[in-house]
């Protein structure tokens, strides 16, 4: 329990530090740009800086989805959660 709280605190600190950079980058955009145009420009810049970054980002997204999927599968097959939900909605 304490380890999870420490990890959460560290994540919040990193979010505060790097969130400021993200906000600063956002306000450098033109005011007449839409969200999609801004996102497309960001992805284009992101790709041109390091082409392998998007591959790594795709692998990361796939890994997170797989991790969450395995977690849900484990909860549904190894715990009594489905029985509790069935009893709750009877």
N, C-alpha and C. Protein backbone atom coordinates (compact mmCIF):
# COMPACT_ATOMS: atom_id res chain seq x y z
N UNK A 1 0.82 -1.19 0.00
CA UNK A 1 0.00 0.00 0.00
C UNK A 1 0.87 1.26 0.00
N UNK A 2 1.90 1.26 0.82
CA UNK A 2 2.75 2.44 0.89
C UNK A 2 3.53 2.60 -0.41
N UNK A 3 3.96 1.51 -1.01
CA UNK A 3 4.67 1.59 -2.29
C UNK A 3 3.80 2.21 -3.37
N UNK A 4 2.52 1.86 -3.40
CA UNK A 4 1.61 2.43 -4.40
C UNK A 4 1.44 3.93 -4.19
N UNK A 5 1.38 4.35 -2.95
CA UNK A 5 1.24 5.78 -2.66
C UNK A 5 2.50 6.52 -3.09
N UNK A 6 3.67 5.94 -2.84
CA UNK A 6 4.91 6.58 -3.26
C UNK A 6 4.99 6.69 -4.77
N UNK A 7 4.59 5.66 -5.48
CA UNK A 7 4.60 5.71 -6.94
C UNK A 7 3.63 6.78 -7.44
N UNK A 8 2.47 6.89 -6.81
CA UNK A 8 1.50 7.91 -7.19
C UNK A 8 2.06 9.31 -6.96
N UNK A 9 2.73 9.53 -5.85
CA UNK A 9 3.33 10.84 -5.56
C UNK A 9 4.40 11.18 -6.59
N UNK A 10 5.24 10.19 -6.95
CA UNK A 10 6.28 10.41 -7.95
C UNK A 10 5.63 10.74 -9.30
N UNK A 11 4.57 10.03 -9.66
CA UNK A 11 3.88 10.30 -10.93
C UNK A 11 3.29 11.71 -10.93
N UNK A 12 2.75 12.15 -9.82
CA UNK A 12 2.19 13.51 -9.74
C UNK A 12 3.30 14.55 -9.90
N UNK A 13 4.44 14.32 -9.27
CA UNK A 13 5.55 15.26 -9.38
C UNK A 13 6.03 15.34 -10.83
N UNK A 14 6.21 14.20 -11.49
CA UNK A 14 6.62 14.22 -12.90
C UNK A 14 5.56 14.90 -13.76
N UNK A 15 4.28 14.67 -13.44
CA UNK A 15 3.21 15.33 -14.20
C UNK A 15 3.26 16.83 -14.06
N UNK A 16 3.58 17.32 -12.88
CA UNK A 16 3.69 18.76 -12.67
C UNK A 16 4.88 19.32 -13.44
N UNK A 17 6.01 18.62 -13.37
CA UNK A 17 7.22 19.11 -14.04
C UNK A 17 7.04 19.12 -15.56
N UNK A 18 6.61 17.99 -16.12
CA UNK A 18 6.50 17.90 -17.57
C UNK A 18 5.21 18.49 -18.09
N UNK A 19 4.20 18.66 -17.26
CA UNK A 19 2.95 19.28 -17.68
C UNK A 19 3.16 20.74 -18.06
N UNK A 20 4.04 21.42 -17.36
CA UNK A 20 4.34 22.82 -17.67
C UNK A 20 4.93 22.94 -19.06
N UNK A 21 5.80 22.02 -19.43
CA UNK A 21 6.38 22.04 -20.78
C UNK A 21 5.30 21.81 -21.83
N UNK A 22 4.38 20.91 -21.56
CA UNK A 22 3.30 20.63 -22.51
C UNK A 22 2.41 21.85 -22.68
N UNK A 23 2.13 22.56 -21.59
CA UNK A 23 1.29 23.76 -21.68
C UNK A 23 2.02 24.84 -22.45
N UNK A 24 3.32 25.01 -22.21
CA UNK A 24 4.09 26.01 -22.94
C UNK A 24 4.11 25.71 -24.43
N UNK A 25 4.26 24.44 -24.80
CA UNK A 25 4.26 24.07 -26.22
C UNK A 25 2.90 24.32 -26.85
N UNK A 26 1.83 24.11 -26.08
CA UNK A 26 0.48 24.28 -26.61
C UNK A 26 0.22 25.75 -26.95
N UNK A 27 0.68 26.66 -26.12
CA UNK A 27 0.39 28.07 -26.35
C UNK A 27 1.24 28.68 -27.45
N UNK A 28 2.20 27.93 -28.00
CA UNK A 28 2.99 28.43 -29.11
C UNK A 28 2.24 28.28 -30.43
N UNK A 29 1.12 27.57 -30.42
CA UNK A 29 0.35 27.35 -31.64
C UNK A 29 -0.41 28.61 -32.02
N UNK A 30 -0.79 28.66 -33.29
CA UNK A 30 -1.58 29.79 -33.76
C UNK A 30 -3.00 29.70 -33.20
N UNK A 31 -3.63 30.81 -32.89
CA UNK A 31 -4.97 30.76 -32.32
C UNK A 31 -6.04 30.31 -33.30
N UNK A 32 -5.77 30.39 -34.60
CA UNK A 32 -6.78 29.97 -35.57
C UNK A 32 -6.67 28.49 -35.93
N UNK A 33 -5.73 27.77 -35.33
CA UNK A 33 -5.59 26.33 -35.59
C UNK A 33 -6.63 25.55 -34.81
N UNK A 34 -7.15 24.52 -35.43
CA UNK A 34 -8.05 23.64 -34.70
C UNK A 34 -7.22 22.60 -33.95
N UNK A 35 -7.88 21.81 -33.14
CA UNK A 35 -7.19 20.80 -32.34
C UNK A 35 -6.56 19.75 -33.24
N UNK A 36 -7.26 19.36 -34.29
CA UNK A 36 -6.75 18.32 -35.19
C UNK A 36 -5.52 18.82 -35.95
N UNK A 37 -5.57 20.07 -36.42
CA UNK A 37 -4.40 20.62 -37.11
C UNK A 37 -3.20 20.71 -36.18
N UNK A 38 -3.45 21.15 -34.96
CA UNK A 38 -2.37 21.25 -33.98
C UNK A 38 -1.79 19.88 -33.68
N UNK A 39 -2.66 18.87 -33.51
CA UNK A 39 -2.19 17.51 -33.23
C UNK A 39 -1.40 16.96 -34.40
N UNK A 40 -1.87 17.23 -35.63
CA UNK A 40 -1.17 16.74 -36.82
C UNK A 40 0.22 17.37 -36.92
N UNK A 41 0.32 18.65 -36.63
CA UNK A 41 1.63 19.31 -36.65
C UNK A 41 2.55 18.74 -35.58
N UNK A 42 1.99 18.49 -34.38
CA UNK A 42 2.80 17.92 -33.31
C UNK A 42 3.34 16.55 -33.68
N UNK A 43 2.48 15.72 -34.29
CA UNK A 43 2.92 14.37 -34.69
C UNK A 43 3.98 14.47 -35.78
N UNK A 44 3.80 15.41 -36.71
CA UNK A 44 4.78 15.58 -37.78
C UNK A 44 6.14 15.99 -37.21
N UNK A 45 6.14 16.95 -36.27
CA UNK A 45 7.38 17.38 -35.64
C UNK A 45 7.99 16.23 -34.82
N UNK A 46 7.13 15.50 -34.15
CA UNK A 46 7.57 14.38 -33.33
C UNK A 46 8.26 13.34 -34.19
N UNK A 47 7.72 13.08 -35.38
CA UNK A 47 8.28 12.09 -36.28
C UNK A 47 9.60 12.56 -36.89
N UNK A 48 9.65 13.82 -37.28
CA UNK A 48 10.86 14.32 -37.93
C UNK A 48 12.04 14.42 -36.96
N UNK A 49 11.79 14.63 -35.69
CA UNK A 49 12.89 14.69 -34.71
C UNK A 49 13.55 13.32 -34.56
N UNK A 50 12.74 12.27 -34.46
CA UNK A 50 13.28 10.91 -34.30
C UNK A 50 12.26 9.93 -34.87
N UNK A 51 12.47 9.41 -36.07
CA UNK A 51 11.48 8.52 -36.71
C UNK A 51 11.17 7.27 -35.88
N UNK A 52 12.10 6.80 -35.09
CA UNK A 52 11.86 5.60 -34.29
C UNK A 52 10.93 5.86 -33.12
N UNK A 53 10.73 7.12 -32.78
CA UNK A 53 9.89 7.46 -31.63
C UNK A 53 8.45 6.99 -31.79
N UNK A 54 7.90 7.14 -32.98
CA UNK A 54 6.51 6.72 -33.19
C UNK A 54 6.38 5.21 -33.10
N UNK A 55 7.40 4.48 -33.55
CA UNK A 55 7.38 3.02 -33.40
C UNK A 55 7.40 2.66 -31.92
N UNK A 56 8.26 3.33 -31.17
CA UNK A 56 8.33 3.08 -29.72
C UNK A 56 7.02 3.45 -29.04
N UNK A 57 6.40 4.55 -29.47
CA UNK A 57 5.12 4.96 -28.90
C UNK A 57 4.03 3.93 -29.21
N UNK A 58 4.04 3.41 -30.43
CA UNK A 58 3.07 2.38 -30.80
C UNK A 58 3.26 1.11 -29.98
N UNK A 59 4.50 0.72 -29.78
CA UNK A 59 4.79 -0.46 -28.96
C UNK A 59 4.34 -0.22 -27.52
N UNK A 60 4.57 0.99 -27.01
CA UNK A 60 4.15 1.33 -25.65
C UNK A 60 2.63 1.25 -25.51
N UNK A 61 1.89 1.81 -26.47
CA UNK A 61 0.43 1.77 -26.41
C UNK A 61 -0.07 0.33 -26.47
N UNK A 62 0.51 -0.46 -27.36
CA UNK A 62 0.14 -1.87 -27.45
C UNK A 62 0.43 -2.61 -26.14
N UNK A 63 1.57 -2.30 -25.52
CA UNK A 63 1.93 -2.94 -24.25
C UNK A 63 0.95 -2.57 -23.14
N UNK A 64 0.57 -1.31 -23.09
CA UNK A 64 -0.38 -0.88 -22.06
C UNK A 64 -1.74 -1.56 -22.26
N UNK A 65 -2.20 -1.60 -23.50
CA UNK A 65 -3.49 -2.26 -23.77
C UNK A 65 -3.40 -3.74 -23.43
N UNK A 66 -2.30 -4.39 -23.76
CA UNK A 66 -2.13 -5.81 -23.43
C UNK A 66 -2.09 -6.02 -21.93
N UNK A 67 -1.39 -5.15 -21.22
CA UNK A 67 -1.30 -5.27 -19.76
C UNK A 67 -2.68 -5.13 -19.12
N UNK A 68 -3.43 -4.15 -19.56
CA UNK A 68 -4.78 -3.95 -19.01
C UNK A 68 -5.67 -5.14 -19.37
N UNK A 69 -5.54 -5.64 -20.59
CA UNK A 69 -6.34 -6.79 -21.01
C UNK A 69 -6.04 -8.04 -20.19
N UNK A 70 -4.75 -8.29 -19.94
CA UNK A 70 -4.38 -9.44 -19.11
C UNK A 70 -4.88 -9.25 -17.68
N UNK A 71 -4.82 -8.01 -17.18
CA UNK A 71 -5.34 -7.73 -15.84
C UNK A 71 -6.83 -8.00 -15.73
N UNK A 72 -7.59 -7.55 -16.72
CA UNK A 72 -9.03 -7.80 -16.72
C UNK A 72 -9.31 -9.28 -16.84
N UNK A 73 -8.58 -9.97 -17.71
CA UNK A 73 -8.75 -11.42 -17.85
C UNK A 73 -8.47 -12.12 -16.53
N UNK A 74 -7.41 -11.70 -15.84
CA UNK A 74 -7.05 -12.31 -14.56
C UNK A 74 -8.15 -12.07 -13.54
N UNK A 75 -8.66 -10.85 -13.49
CA UNK A 75 -9.74 -10.54 -12.54
C UNK A 75 -10.97 -11.38 -12.82
N UNK A 76 -11.30 -11.56 -14.08
CA UNK A 76 -12.51 -12.31 -14.43
C UNK A 76 -12.36 -13.81 -14.22
N UNK A 77 -11.13 -14.34 -14.35
CA UNK A 77 -10.97 -15.79 -14.25
C UNK A 77 -10.44 -16.27 -12.91
N UNK A 78 -9.69 -15.46 -12.19
CA UNK A 78 -9.04 -15.92 -10.97
C UNK A 78 -9.68 -15.42 -9.67
N UNK A 79 -10.63 -14.52 -9.78
CA UNK A 79 -11.26 -13.99 -8.57
C UNK A 79 -12.74 -14.31 -8.59
N UNK A 80 -13.40 -13.95 -7.52
CA UNK A 80 -14.85 -14.17 -7.45
C UNK A 80 -15.62 -12.92 -7.87
N UNK A 81 -14.98 -12.02 -8.59
CA UNK A 81 -15.61 -10.79 -9.03
C UNK A 81 -16.85 -11.03 -9.89
N UNK A 82 -16.82 -11.96 -10.88
CA UNK A 82 -18.04 -12.20 -11.67
C UNK A 82 -19.20 -12.71 -10.81
N UNK A 83 -18.90 -13.56 -9.82
CA UNK A 83 -19.96 -14.07 -8.94
C UNK A 83 -20.55 -12.94 -8.10
N UNK A 84 -19.68 -12.04 -7.64
CA UNK A 84 -20.17 -10.91 -6.84
C UNK A 84 -21.06 -10.01 -7.69
N UNK A 85 -20.65 -9.77 -8.93
CA UNK A 85 -21.47 -8.92 -9.81
C UNK A 85 -22.80 -9.60 -10.15
N UNK A 86 -22.78 -10.92 -10.36
CA UNK A 86 -24.01 -11.65 -10.63
C UNK A 86 -24.96 -11.57 -9.43
N UNK A 87 -24.41 -11.71 -8.23
CA UNK A 87 -25.23 -11.63 -7.03
C UNK A 87 -25.75 -10.21 -6.83
N UNK A 88 -24.99 -9.24 -7.20
CA UNK A 88 -25.38 -7.84 -7.02
C UNK A 88 -26.57 -7.48 -7.91
N UNK A 89 -26.61 -8.01 -9.12
CA UNK A 89 -27.66 -7.64 -10.07
C UNK A 89 -28.79 -8.64 -10.16
N UNK A 90 -28.94 -9.50 -9.18
CA UNK A 90 -30.09 -10.43 -9.17
C UNK A 90 -31.27 -9.81 -8.53
